[in-house]
Amino acid sequence: MTPTHRSDPSGPAIAIVGAGLAGLSCAAALQAAGRGVVLFEKSRGPAGRMSTRNGDDWQCDFGAQYFVVRDPSFRDEVQRWTDAGVAQLWQPRLSSFDGRAWKPTRTALARHVGVPAMTAPAHWLARGLEVRSQATVQPLVWTEGGWKLQFAEPGIPDAVFGSVLLAVPAPQAQALLGEHAPGLGVVAGRAGMQACWSLMLRFDAPVPWELDAAFVNQGPLRWMARDTSKPGRPRHETWVLHATAEWSHDHLEDDPADVARAMLKAFADLGGPAPAAWTAHRWRYATNAPPLAEGCAWDAAAGLGLCGDWLHGGKVEGAWLSGQALARRVLQQD
């Protein structure tokens, strides 16, 4: 049976699955327009790939490393973040390695980061929103009362909503949709999501390099950065390494210790010292190539929608813009 959605602002609230930047952007716009919204996030808190790992005396951004501004509306949003003290310019000593030599990278591109961690803008957006964490949504079920959300965790009661918006990577959206809204499934199926292994390094002393970040164009690494160089960070020296999409795909199911060994060797081959400790994280759905340009996707008849950076050109800016675009599509139905 194909569900028939009835748009009723006074009816059941809207559920948004995923509290990364796209989901938070969408929720904030809908709530500002008077709609009831509840976000469900499988992790311990909001931020998605704008994530930061914390220890007793260290922290490290291990997902999105920075964001740039091109769209005027996103520029206004970043200015709000900056005024609130949760974002700031990052001006690293940037280099690139072409397999033979280091070359300074000179660019007028302004790079912004969350302060005091990459998660900060997401947590700022989540203020005043209802975010239910550690709630893993199962495939959607249609009932006569609306969309029923069921959860993998025991003890979380089922919930029914008039509309469900999926702010998750494309393969996860496909799994949640099942046979519902086949048009949305087709859109999600066109997104080629790519993996990324991320390695966080802790050092007892500063790494003696005259650079803070680098694009690496040889071997398994594509990016490395001195997280400590970002504004508002603790002084304890931390670095992050990102592997290429191709290498991450080939080693997707490897043991983290084997992944770390290979990435540390590549770091050492570039002249990097051995860390005092490391932590590996696998992003199964980190990027997509090429990103889609739909902006968002909305099935008004079913009351189902999709948003995420993978629908709006990729990157942090794309995530925020996609959430805004989906909110507008939903509100146009009122």
C-alpha atoms as a PDB file:
ATOM      1  CA  MET A   1       0.000   0.000   0.000  1.00  0.00           C
ATOM      2  CA  THR A   2       1.322   3.450  -0.909  1.00  0.00           C
ATOM      3  CA  PRO A   3       0.939   5.842   2.029  1.00  0.00           C
ATOM      4  CA  THR A   4      -0.960   9.064   1.444  1.00  0.00           C
ATOM      5  CA  HIS A   5       0.445  11.862   3.555  1.00  0.00           C
ATOM      6  CA  ARG A   6      -1.726  14.693   4.804  1.00  0.00           C
ATOM      7  CA  SER A   7       0.140  17.859   5.667  1.00  0.00           C
ATOM      8  CA  ASP A   8      -1.269  19.147   8.935  1.00  0.00           C
ATOM      9  CA  PRO A   9       0.836  21.590  10.984  1.00  0.00           C
ATOM     10  CA  SER A  10      -1.279  20.800  14.062  1.00  0.00           C
ATOM     11  CA  GLY A  11      -0.937  17.028  13.591  1.00  0.00           C
ATOM     12  CA  PRO A  12       1.847  14.631  14.483  1.00  0.00           C
ATOM     13  CA  ALA A  13       5.313  16.136  14.662  1.00  0.00           C
ATOM     14  CA  ILE A  14       8.046  15.708  12.078  1.00  0.00           C
ATOM     15  CA  ALA A  15      10.788  13.183  12.813  1.00  0.00           C
ATOM     16  CA  ILE A  16      14.285  13.843  11.517  1.00  0.00           C
ATOM     17  CA  VAL A  17      16.631  10.873  11.546  1.00  0.00           C
ATOM     18  CA  GLY A  18      20.222  12.034  11.927  1.00  0.00           C
ATOM     19  CA  ALA A  19      21.503  14.967  13.997  1.00  0.00           C
ATOM     20  CA  GLY A  20      24.447  15.933  11.848  1.00  0.00           C
ATOM     21  CA  LEU A  21      24.578  19.419  10.377  1.00  0.00           C
ATOM     22  CA  ALA A  22      21.970  18.726   7.669  1.00  0.00           C
ATOM     23  CA  GLY A  23      19.439  17.376  10.149  1.00  0.00           C
ATOM     24  CA  LEU A  24      20.069  20.180  12.633  1.00  0.00           C
ATOM     25  CA  SER A  25      19.799  22.837   9.910  1.00  0.00           C
ATOM     26  CA  CYS A  26      16.500  21.378   8.707  1.00  0.00           C
ATOM     27  CA  ALA A  27      15.108  21.032  12.226  1.00  0.00           C
ATOM     28  CA  ALA A  28      16.034  24.585  13.202  1.00  0.00           C
ATOM     29  CA  ALA A  29      14.331  26.033  10.110  1.00  0.00           C
ATOM     30  CA  LEU A  30      11.175  23.958  10.624  1.00  0.00           C
ATOM     31  CA  GLN A  31      10.935  24.783  14.314  1.00  0.00           C
ATOM     32  CA  ALA A  32      11.442  28.485  13.579  1.00  0.00           C
ATOM     33  CA  ALA A  33       8.406  28.210  11.273  1.00  0.00           C
ATOM     34  CA  GLY A  34       6.306  26.727  14.076  1.00  0.00           C
ATOM     35  CA  ARG A  35       6.542  23.040  13.218  1.00  0.00           C
ATOM     36  CA  GLY A  36       7.045  20.386  15.874  1.00  0.00           C
ATOM     37  CA  VAL A  37      10.279  18.477  15.277  1.00  0.00           C
ATOM     38  CA  VAL A  38      12.064  15.612  17.012  1.00  0.00           C
ATOM     39  CA  LEU A  39      15.565  14.510  15.988  1.00  0.00           C
ATOM     40  CA  PHE A  40      16.785  10.942  16.461  1.00  0.00           C
ATOM     41  CA  GLU A  41      20.518  10.267  16.531  1.00  0.00           C
ATOM     42  CA  LYS A  42      22.136   6.854  16.903  1.00  0.00           C
ATOM     43  CA  SER A  43      25.321   8.318  18.425  1.00  0.00           C
ATOM     44  CA  ARG A  44      25.761   9.866  21.866  1.00  0.00           C
ATOM     45  CA  GLY A  45      25.188  13.394  20.614  1.00  0.00           C
ATOM     46  CA  PRO A  46      24.777  15.669  17.593  1.00  0.00           C
ATOM     47  CA  ALA A  47      27.423  16.654  15.022  1.00  0.00           C
ATOM     48  CA  GLY A  48      27.707  13.690  12.634  1.00  0.00           C
ATOM     49  CA  ARG A  49      30.940  13.942  10.681  1.00  0.00           C
ATOM     50  CA  MET A  50      31.790  17.262  12.359  1.00  0.00           C
ATOM     51  CA  SER A  51      33.105  15.097  15.165  1.00  0.00           C
ATOM     52  CA  THR A  52      35.745  15.477  17.852  1.00  0.00           C
ATOM     53  CA  ARG A  53      37.298  12.739  19.994  1.00  0.00           C
ATOM     54  CA  ASN A  54      38.213  13.680  23.567  1.00  0.00           C
ATOM     55  CA  GLY A  55      40.559  12.131  26.125  1.00  0.00           C
ATOM     56  CA  ASP A  56      41.759  13.103  29.580  1.00  0.00           C
ATOM     57  CA  ASP A  57      44.160  15.744  28.277  1.00  0.00           C
ATOM     58  CA  TRP A  58      43.654  15.789  24.516  1.00  0.00           C
ATOM     59  CA  GLN A  59      41.114  16.246  21.754  1.00  0.00           C
ATOM     60  CA  CYS A  60      41.155  15.815  17.993  1.00  0.00           C
ATOM     61  CA  ASP A  61      38.767  16.566  15.130  1.00  0.00           C
ATOM     62  CA  PHE A  62      38.650  13.291  13.240  1.00  0.00           C
ATOM     63  CA  GLY A  63      35.920  13.946  10.665  1.00  0.00           C
ATOM     64  CA  ALA A  64      35.385  17.209   8.782  1.00  0.00           C
ATOM     65  CA  GLN A  65      38.535  19.273   9.224  1.00  0.00           C
ATOM     66  CA  TYR A  66      37.285  22.748   8.335  1.00  0.00           C
ATOM     67  CA  PHE A  67      34.610  24.454   6.267  1.00  0.00           C
ATOM     68  CA  VAL A  68      34.627  27.194   3.668  1.00  0.00           C
ATOM     69  CA  VAL A  69      31.944  29.698   2.742  1.00  0.00           C
ATOM     70  CA  ARG A  70      30.671  30.398  -0.750  1.00  0.00           C
ATOM     71  CA  ASP A  71      26.893  30.754  -0.450  1.00  0.00           C
ATOM     72  CA  PRO A  72      25.608  34.083   0.972  1.00  0.00           C
ATOM     73  CA  SER A  73      23.066  32.436   3.258  1.00  0.00           C
ATOM     74  CA  PHE A  74      25.706  30.107   4.690  1.00  0.00           C
ATOM     75  CA  ARG A  75      27.996  33.104   5.149  1.00  0.00           C
ATOM     76  CA  ASP A  76      25.307  34.692   7.310  1.00  0.00           C
ATOM     77  CA  GLU A  77      24.980  31.470   9.297  1.00  0.00           C
ATOM     78  CA  VAL A  78      28.723  31.201   9.877  1.00  0.00           C
ATOM     79  CA  GLN A  79      28.724  34.808  11.028  1.00  0.00           C
ATOM     80  CA  ARG A  80      26.102  33.847  13.626  1.00  0.00           C
ATOM     81  CA  TRP A  81      28.312  30.986  14.747  1.00  0.00           C
ATOM     82  CA  THR A  82      31.289  33.331  14.949  1.00  0.00           C
ATOM     83  CA  ASP A  83      29.326  35.911  16.927  1.00  0.00           C
ATOM     84  CA  ALA A  84      28.256  33.139  19.312  1.00  0.00           C
ATOM     85  CA  GLY A  85      31.884  32.094  19.813  1.00  0.00           C
ATOM     86  CA  VAL A  86      31.467  28.605  18.321  1.00  0.00           C
ATOM     87  CA  ALA A  87      33.422  29.179  15.076  1.00  0.00           C
ATOM     88  CA  GLN A  88      36.602  30.968  14.087  1.00  0.00           C
ATOM     89  CA  LEU A  89      39.024  31.319  11.215  1.00  0.00           C
ATOM     90  CA  TRP A  90      41.838  28.765  11.035  1.00  0.00           C
ATOM     91  CA  GLN A  91      44.971  29.959   9.285  1.00  0.00           C
ATOM     92  CA  PRO A  92      47.279  26.939   9.117  1.00  0.00           C
ATOM     93  CA  ARG A  93      50.708  26.794   7.561  1.00  0.00           C
ATOM     94  CA  LEU A  94      49.532  24.679   4.647  1.00  0.00           C
ATOM     95  CA  SER A  95      51.654  22.524   2.342  1.00  0.00           C
ATOM     96  CA  SER A  96      51.278  19.770  -0.215  1.00  0.00           C
ATOM     97  CA  PHE A  97      53.463  16.764  -1.012  1.00  0.00           C
ATOM     98  CA  ASP A  98      53.655  15.561  -4.617  1.00  0.00           C
ATOM     99  CA  GLY A  99      55.688  12.441  -3.932  1.00  0.00           C
ATOM    100  CA  ARG A 100      59.038  14.222  -4.255  1.00  0.00           C
ATOM    101  CA  ALA A 101      58.969  17.487  -2.346  1.00  0.00           C
ATOM    102  CA  TRP A 102      56.953  19.666  -0.005  1.00  0.00           C
ATOM    103  CA  LYS A 103      55.465  22.807  -1.505  1.00  0.00           C
ATOM    104  CA  PRO A 104      53.815  25.608   0.458  1.00  0.00           C
ATOM    105  CA  THR A 105      50.169  26.043  -0.521  1.00  0.00           C
ATOM    106  CA  ARG A 106      49.250  29.679  -0.871  1.00  0.00           C
ATOM    107  CA  THR A 107      45.563  30.433  -1.172  1.00  0.00           C
ATOM    108  CA  ALA A 108      43.149  33.184  -0.290  1.00  0.00           C
ATOM    109  CA  LEU A 109      40.570  30.568   0.721  1.00  0.00           C
ATOM    110  CA  ALA A 110      39.250  31.247   4.235  1.00  0.00           C
ATOM    111  CA  ARG A 111      38.994  28.097   6.355  1.00  0.00           C
ATOM    112  CA  HIS A 112      36.719  28.062   9.400  1.00  0.00           C
ATOM    113  CA  VAL A 113      36.570  25.586  12.266  1.00  0.00           C
ATOM    114  CA  GLY A 114      34.334  25.002  15.235  1.00  0.00           C
ATOM    115  CA  VAL A 115      35.607  26.367  18.565  1.00  0.00           C
ATOM    116  CA  PRO A 116      36.687  24.916  20.928  1.00  0.00           C
ATOM    117  CA  ALA A 117      36.004  21.783  18.847  1.00  0.00           C
ATOM    118  CA  MET A 118      34.534  20.973  15.465  1.00  0.00           C
ATOM    119  CA  THR A 119      31.358  19.818  17.202  1.00  0.00           C
ATOM    120  CA  ALA A 120      30.664  23.296  18.612  1.00  0.00           C
ATOM    121  CA  PRO A 121      28.414  24.679  15.817  1.00  0.00           C
ATOM    122  CA  ALA A 122      26.292  21.519  15.901  1.00  0.00           C
ATOM    123  CA  HIS A 123      25.853  21.714  19.663  1.00  0.00           C
ATOM    124  CA  TRP A 124      24.967  25.399  19.341  1.00  0.00           C
ATOM    125  CA  LEU A 125      22.314  24.591  16.726  1.00  0.00           C
ATOM    126  CA  ALA A 126      20.930  21.786  18.907  1.00  0.00           C
ATOM    127  CA  ARG A 127      20.059  24.213  21.699  1.00  0.00           C
ATOM    128  CA  GLY A 128      16.286  24.384  21.977  1.00  0.00           C
ATOM    129  CA  LEU A 129      15.790  21.388  19.688  1.00  0.00           C
ATOM    130  CA  GLU A 130      14.564  18.020  20.917  1.00  0.00           C
ATOM    131  CA  VAL A 131      17.377  15.580  20.160  1.00  0.00           C
ATOM    132  CA  ARG A 132      17.030  11.985  21.293  1.00  0.00           C
ATOM    133  CA  SER A 133      20.466  10.380  21.254  1.00  0.00           C
ATOM    134  CA  GLN A 134      21.469   6.720  21.163  1.00  0.00           C
ATOM    135  CA  ALA A 135      18.257   5.963  19.288  1.00  0.00           C
ATOM    136  CA  THR A 136      18.923   3.830  16.217  1.00  0.00           C
ATOM    137  CA  VAL A 137      15.906   3.966  13.917  1.00  0.00           C
ATOM    138  CA  GLN A 138      14.887   0.737  12.184  1.00  0.00           C
ATOM    139  CA  PRO A 139      13.281   0.572   8.678  1.00  0.00           C
ATOM    140  CA  LEU A 140      10.171   2.714   8.491  1.00  0.00           C
ATOM    141  CA  VAL A 141       6.715   1.221   8.967  1.00  0.00           C
ATOM    142  CA  TRP A 142       3.525   2.857   7.636  1.00  0.00           C
ATOM    143  CA  THR A 143       0.415   2.738   9.808  1.00  0.00           C
ATOM    144  CA  GLU A 144      -2.934   4.466   9.419  1.00  0.00           C
ATOM    145  CA  GLY A 145      -1.776   6.976  12.034  1.00  0.00           C
ATOM    146  CA  GLY A 146       1.431   7.887  10.220  1.00  0.00           C
ATOM    147  CA  TRP A 147       4.999   6.669  10.101  1.00  0.00           C
ATOM    148  CA  LYS A 148       5.953   4.411  12.988  1.00  0.00           C
ATOM    149  CA  LEU A 149       9.548   4.599  14.152  1.00  0.00           C
ATOM    150  CA  GLN A 150      10.991   1.546  15.866  1.00  0.00           C
ATOM    151  CA  PHE A 151      14.402   1.412  17.502  1.00  0.00           C
ATOM    152  CA  ALA A 152      17.233  -1.079  17.813  1.00  0.00           C
ATOM    153  CA  GLU A 153      17.862  -0.208  21.458  1.00  0.00           C
ATOM    154  CA  PRO A 154      15.635  -1.965  24.006  1.00  0.00           C
ATOM    155  CA  GLY A 155      13.357   0.162  26.120  1.00  0.00           C
ATOM    156  CA  ILE A 156      12.722   2.955  23.605  1.00  0.00           C
ATOM    157  CA  PRO A 157       8.996   3.022  22.821  1.00  0.00           C
ATOM    158  CA  ASP A 158       7.776   3.180  19.233  1.00  0.00           C
ATOM    159  CA  ALA A 159       6.765   6.639  18.027  1.00  0.00           C
ATOM    160  CA  VAL A 160       4.452   7.791  15.229  1.00  0.00           C
ATOM    161  CA  PHE A 161       5.040  10.897  13.102  1.00  0.00           C
ATOM    162  CA  GLY A 162       3.263  12.606  10.249  1.00  0.00           C
ATOM    163  CA  SER A 163       6.475  13.048   8.249  1.00  0.00           C
ATOM    164  CA  VAL A 164       9.954  11.540   8.438  1.00  0.00           C
ATOM    165  CA  LEU A 165      13.025  13.288   7.040  1.00  0.00           C
ATOM    166  CA  LEU A 166      16.206  11.262   6.647  1.00  0.00           C
ATOM    167  CA  ALA A 167      19.408  13.240   7.206  1.00  0.00           C
ATOM    168  CA  VAL A 168      21.755  10.271   6.912  1.00  0.00           C
ATOM    169  CA  PRO A 169      24.176   8.905   4.285  1.00  0.00           C
ATOM    170  CA  ALA A 170      22.508   7.591   1.139  1.00  0.00           C
ATOM    171  CA  PRO A 171      22.928   3.840   1.829  1.00  0.00           C
ATOM    172  CA  GLN A 172      21.429   4.250   5.296  1.00  0.00           C
ATOM    173  CA  ALA A 173      18.530   6.216   3.825  1.00  0.00           C
ATOM    174  CA  GLN A 174      17.863   3.416   1.341  1.00  0.00           C
ATOM    175  CA  ALA A 175      17.781   0.852   4.133  1.00  0.00           C
ATOM    176  CA  LEU A 176      15.337   2.927   6.184  1.00  0.00           C
ATOM    177  CA  LEU A 177      13.034   3.621   3.233  1.00  0.00           C
ATOM    178  CA  GLY A 178      12.702  -0.008   2.176  1.00  0.00           C
ATOM    179  CA  GLU A 179       9.987  -0.193  -0.490  1.00  0.00           C
ATOM    180  CA  HIS A 180       8.433   3.124   0.530  1.00  0.00           C
ATOM    181  CA  ALA A 181       8.827   6.149  -1.747  1.00  0.00           C
ATOM    182  CA  PRO A 182      10.715   4.400  -4.579  1.00  0.00           C
ATOM    183  CA  GLY A 183      11.564   7.737  -6.167  1.00  0.00           C
ATOM    184  CA  LEU A 184      13.589   8.697  -3.105  1.00  0.00           C
ATOM    185  CA  GLY A 185      15.279   5.324  -3.217  1.00  0.00           C
ATOM    186  CA  VAL A 186      16.369   5.989  -6.792  1.00  0.00           C
ATOM    187  CA  VAL A 187      17.895   9.333  -5.767  1.00  0.00           C
ATOM    188  CA  ALA A 188      19.787   7.734  -2.876  1.00  0.00           C
ATOM    189  CA  GLY A 189      20.949   4.927  -5.143  1.00  0.00           C
ATOM    190  CA  ARG A 190      22.750   7.409  -7.399  1.00  0.00           C
ATOM    191  CA  ALA A 191      25.064   8.581  -4.616  1.00  0.00           C
ATOM    192  CA  GLY A 192      28.442   6.863  -4.613  1.00  0.00           C
ATOM    193  CA  MET A 193      29.483   7.049  -0.981  1.00  0.00           C
ATOM    194  CA  GLN A 194      33.170   6.606  -0.159  1.00  0.00           C
ATOM    195  CA  ALA A 195      34.885   5.467   3.026  1.00  0.00           C
ATOM    196  CA  CYS A 196      37.721   7.081   4.957  1.00  0.00           C
ATOM    197  CA  TRP A 197      40.003   5.715   7.651  1.00  0.00           C
ATOM    198  CA  SER A 198      40.943   8.415  10.174  1.00  0.00           C
ATOM    199  CA  LEU A 199      43.862   8.102  12.590  1.00  0.00           C
ATOM    200  CA  MET A 200      44.256  10.369  15.622  1.00  0.00           C
ATOM    201  CA  LEU A 201      47.797  10.739  16.998  1.00  0.00           C
ATOM    202  CA  ARG A 202      48.941  12.010  20.406  1.00  0.00           C
ATOM    203  CA  PHE A 203      52.481  13.235  21.057  1.00  0.00           C
ATOM    204  CA  ASP A 204      54.386  14.100  24.204  1.00  0.00           C
ATOM    205  CA  ALA A 205      56.054  17.059  22.457  1.00  0.00           C
ATOM    206  CA  PRO A 206      55.285  19.260  19.447  1.00  0.00           C
ATOM    207  CA  VAL A 207      56.096  17.729  16.074  1.00  0.00           C
ATOM    208  CA  PRO A 208      59.011  19.828  14.699  1.00  0.00           C
ATOM    209  CA  TRP A 209      57.545  20.541  11.275  1.00  0.00           C
ATOM    210  CA  GLU A 210      57.147  23.976   9.734  1.00  0.00           C
ATOM    211  CA  LEU A 211      53.595  23.141   8.685  1.00  0.00           C
ATOM    212  CA  ASP A 212      50.202  22.650  10.307  1.00  0.00           C
ATOM    213  CA  ALA A 213      48.357  20.788   7.567  1.00  0.00           C
ATOM    214  CA  ALA A 214      49.116  19.153   4.267  1.00  0.00           C
ATOM    215  CA  PHE A 215      47.496  17.570   1.252  1.00  0.00           C
ATOM    216  CA  VAL A 216      49.374  14.360   0.484  1.00  0.00           C
ATOM    217  CA  ASN A 217      49.332  13.070  -3.084  1.00  0.00           C
ATOM    218  CA  GLN A 218      51.188   9.809  -2.647  1.00  0.00           C
ATOM    219  CA  GLY A 219      50.528   6.523  -0.877  1.00  0.00           C
ATOM    220  CA  PRO A 220      47.624   5.825   1.471  1.00  0.00           C
ATOM    221  CA  LEU A 221      47.381   9.320   2.970  1.00  0.00           C
ATOM    222  CA  ARG A 222      45.505  12.254   1.469  1.00  0.00           C
ATOM    223  CA  TRP A 223      45.454  14.713   4.418  1.00  0.00           C
ATOM    224  CA  MET A 224      47.216  15.338   7.701  1.00  0.00           C
ATOM    225  CA  ALA A 225      46.788  18.168  10.166  1.00  0.00           C
ATOM    226  CA  ARG A 226      48.122  19.419  13.485  1.00  0.00           C
ATOM    227  CA  ASP A 227      44.838  19.676  15.360  1.00  0.00           C
ATOM    228  CA  THR A 228      46.570  21.700  18.050  1.00  0.00           C
ATOM    229  CA  SER A 229      47.088  24.533  15.545  1.00  0.00           C
ATOM    230  CA  LYS A 230      43.359  25.232  15.420  1.00  0.00           C
ATOM    231  CA  PRO A 231      42.065  28.072  17.627  1.00  0.00           C
ATOM    232  CA  GLY A 232      40.815  27.241  21.106  1.00  0.00           C
ATOM    233  CA  ARG A 233      42.424  23.802  21.276  1.00  0.00           C
ATOM    234  CA  PRO A 234      44.276  22.285  24.228  1.00  0.00           C
ATOM    235  CA  ARG A 235      48.077  22.522  24.038  1.00  0.00           C
ATOM    236  CA  HIS A 236      48.643  18.762  24.123  1.00  0.00           C
ATOM    237  CA  GLU A 237      49.981  17.933  20.627  1.00  0.00           C
ATOM    238  CA  THR A 238      47.538  15.990  18.451  1.00  0.00           C
ATOM    239  CA  TRP A 239      47.468  15.230  14.732  1.00  0.00           C
ATOM    240  CA  VAL A 240      44.927  13.598  12.466  1.00  0.00           C
ATOM    241  CA  LEU A 241      45.647  11.534   9.347  1.00  0.00           C
ATOM    242  CA  HIS A 242      43.038  10.764   6.682  1.00  0.00           C
ATOM    243  CA  ALA A 243      43.504   7.964   4.182  1.00  0.00           C
ATOM    244  CA  THR A 244      42.473   8.217   0.550  1.00  0.00           C
ATOM    245  CA  ALA A 245      39.067   6.924  -0.498  1.00  0.00           C
ATOM    246  CA  GLU A 246      40.667   4.232  -2.656  1.00  0.00           C
ATOM    247  CA  TRP A 247      42.958   2.939   0.082  1.00  0.00           C
ATOM    248  CA  SER A 248      40.141   3.101   2.649  1.00  0.00           C
ATOM    249  CA  HIS A 249      37.890   1.074   0.349  1.00  0.00           C
ATOM    250  CA  ASP A 250      40.560  -1.571  -0.149  1.00  0.00           C
ATOM    251  CA  HIS A 251      41.153  -1.841   3.609  1.00  0.00           C
ATOM    252  CA  LEU A 252      37.606  -1.176   4.791  1.00  0.00           C
ATOM    253  CA  GLU A 253      37.267  -4.356   6.844  1.00  0.00           C
ATOM    254  CA  ASP A 254      40.871  -4.539   8.076  1.00  0.00           C
ATOM    255  CA  ASP A 255      41.670  -4.652  11.767  1.00  0.00           C
ATOM    256  CA  PRO A 256      42.217  -1.096  13.100  1.00  0.00           C
ATOM    257  CA  ALA A 257      45.695  -2.066  14.316  1.00  0.00           C
ATOM    258  CA  ASP A 258      46.707  -3.101  10.789  1.00  0.00           C
ATOM    259  CA  VAL A 259      45.241   0.109   9.380  1.00  0.00           C
ATOM    260  CA  ALA A 260      47.123   2.185  11.956  1.00  0.00           C
ATOM    261  CA  ARG A 261      50.383   0.371  11.195  1.00  0.00           C
ATOM    262  CA  ALA A 262      50.131   1.183   7.484  1.00  0.00           C
ATOM    263  CA  MET A 263      49.095   4.806   8.020  1.00  0.00           C
ATOM    264  CA  LEU A 264      51.841   5.356  10.609  1.00  0.00           C
ATOM    265  CA  LYS A 265      54.416   3.992   8.194  1.00  0.00           C
ATOM    266  CA  ALA A 266      53.225   6.448   5.541  1.00  0.00           C
ATOM    267  CA  PHE A 267      53.454   9.236   8.133  1.00  0.00           C
ATOM    268  CA  ALA A 268      56.978   8.143   9.079  1.00  0.00           C
ATOM    269  CA  ASP A 269      58.004   8.009   5.408  1.00  0.00           C
ATOM    270  CA  LEU A 270      57.082  11.691   5.220  1.00  0.00           C
ATOM    271  CA  GLY A 271      59.295  12.408   8.241  1.00  0.00           C
ATOM    272  CA  GLY A 272      56.707  12.183  10.984  1.00  0.00           C
ATOM    273  CA  PRO A 273      57.728  10.868  14.421  1.00  0.00           C
ATOM    274  CA  ALA A 274      56.142   7.919  16.186  1.00  0.00           C
ATOM    275  CA  PRO A 275      53.204   8.991  18.380  1.00  0.00           C
ATOM    276  CA  ALA A 276      52.822   8.210  22.056  1.00  0.00           C
ATOM    277  CA  ALA A 277      49.348   6.840  21.326  1.00  0.00           C
ATOM    278  CA  TRP A 278      46.861   6.541  18.486  1.00  0.00           C
ATOM    279  CA  THR A 279      43.148   5.964  17.911  1.00  0.00           C
ATOM    280  CA  ALA A 280      41.664   4.780  14.605  1.00  0.00           C
ATOM    281  CA  HIS A 281      38.153   5.457  13.335  1.00  0.00           C
ATOM    282  CA  ARG A 282      36.491   4.130  10.186  1.00  0.00           C
ATOM    283  CA  TRP A 283      34.053   6.397   8.406  1.00  0.00           C
ATOM    284  CA  ARG A 284      32.153   3.951   6.235  1.00  0.00           C
ATOM    285  CA  TYR A 285      30.303   6.808   4.508  1.00  0.00           C
ATOM    286  CA  ALA A 286      32.611   9.809   4.554  1.00  0.00           C
ATOM    287  CA  THR A 287      32.271  11.455   1.143  1.00  0.00           C
ATOM    288  CA  ASN A 288      30.620  10.847  -2.183  1.00  0.00           C
ATOM    289  CA  ALA A 289      31.992  11.285  -5.664  1.00  0.00           C
ATOM    290  CA  PRO A 290      30.571  12.921  -7.485  1.00  0.00           C
ATOM    291  CA  PRO A 291      28.155  14.606  -5.046  1.00  0.00           C
ATOM    292  CA  LEU A 292      24.619  15.099  -6.323  1.00  0.00           C
ATOM    293  CA  ALA A 293      23.129  18.510  -7.062  1.00  0.00           C
ATOM    294  CA  GLU A 294      19.446  17.931  -6.187  1.00  0.00           C
ATOM    295  CA  GLY A 295      19.772  19.965  -3.020  1.00  0.00           C
ATOM    296  CA  CYS A 296      17.273  17.703  -1.260  1.00  0.00           C
ATOM    297  CA  ALA A 297      14.521  15.233  -2.127  1.00  0.00           C
ATOM    298  CA  TRP A 298      10.895  15.347  -0.951  1.00  0.00           C
ATOM    299  CA  ASP A 299       7.951  13.035  -1.588  1.00  0.00           C
ATOM    300  CA  ALA A 300       4.983  15.140  -0.538  1.00  0.00           C
ATOM    301  CA  ALA A 301       2.456  12.331  -0.984  1.00  0.00           C
ATOM    302  CA  ALA A 302       4.346  10.054   1.385  1.00  0.00           C
ATOM    303  CA  GLY A 303       5.621  12.724   3.762  1.00  0.00           C
ATOM    304  CA  LEU A 304       9.194  11.483   3.373  1.00  0.00           C
ATOM    305  CA  GLY A 305      12.292  13.484   2.559  1.00  0.00           C
ATOM    306  CA  LEU A 306      16.064  13.299   2.221  1.00  0.00           C
ATOM    307  CA  CYS A 307      18.779  15.836   2.982  1.00  0.00           C
ATOM    308  CA  GLY A 308      22.540  15.734   3.446  1.00  0.00           C
ATOM    309  CA  ASP A 309      25.780  17.027   2.019  1.00  0.00           C
ATOM    310  CA  TRP A 310      25.680  14.218  -0.579  1.00  0.00           C
ATOM    311  CA  LEU A 311      22.625  15.907  -2.134  1.00  0.00           C
ATOM    312  CA  HIS A 312      24.093  19.414  -2.248  1.00  0.00           C
ATOM    313  CA  GLY A 313      27.608  19.307  -3.640  1.00  0.00           C
ATOM    314  CA  GLY A 314      29.255  17.786  -0.572  1.00  0.00           C
ATOM    315  CA  LYS A 315      31.118  19.391   2.343  1.00  0.00           C
ATOM    316  CA  VAL A 316      29.882  21.171   5.467  1.00  0.00           C
ATOM    317  CA  GLU A 317      28.295  24.045   3.553  1.00  0.00           C
ATOM    318  CA  GLY A 318      26.376  21.577   1.398  1.00  0.00           C
ATOM    319  CA  ALA A 319      25.002  19.804   4.473  1.00  0.00           C
ATOM    320  CA  TRP A 320      23.635  23.033   5.958  1.00  0.00           C
ATOM    321  CA  LEU A 321      22.184  24.197   2.633  1.00  0.00           C
ATOM    322  CA  SER A 322      20.534  20.825   2.020  1.00  0.00           C
ATOM    323  CA  GLY A 323      18.778  20.951   5.391  1.00  0.00           C
ATOM    324  CA  GLN A 324      17.500  24.425   4.621  1.00  0.00           C
ATOM    325  CA  ALA A 325      16.297  23.341   1.183  1.00  0.00           C
ATOM    326  CA  LEU A 326      14.329  20.393   2.567  1.00  0.00           C
ATOM    327  CA  ALA A 327      12.729  22.556   5.249  1.00  0.00           C
ATOM    328  CA  ARG A 328      11.496  24.926   2.544  1.00  0.00           C
ATOM    329  CA  ARG A 329      10.030  22.050   0.551  1.00  0.00           C
ATOM    330  CA  VAL A 330       8.166  20.736   3.601  1.00  0.00           C
ATOM    331  CA  LEU A 331       6.825  24.159   4.534  1.00  0.00           C
ATOM    332  CA  GLN A 332       5.566  24.744   1.008  1.00  0.00           C
ATOM    333  CA  GLN A 333       3.084  21.915   1.604  1.00  0.00           C
ATOM    334  CA  ASP A 334       1.328  23.761   4.440  1.00  0.00           C
END
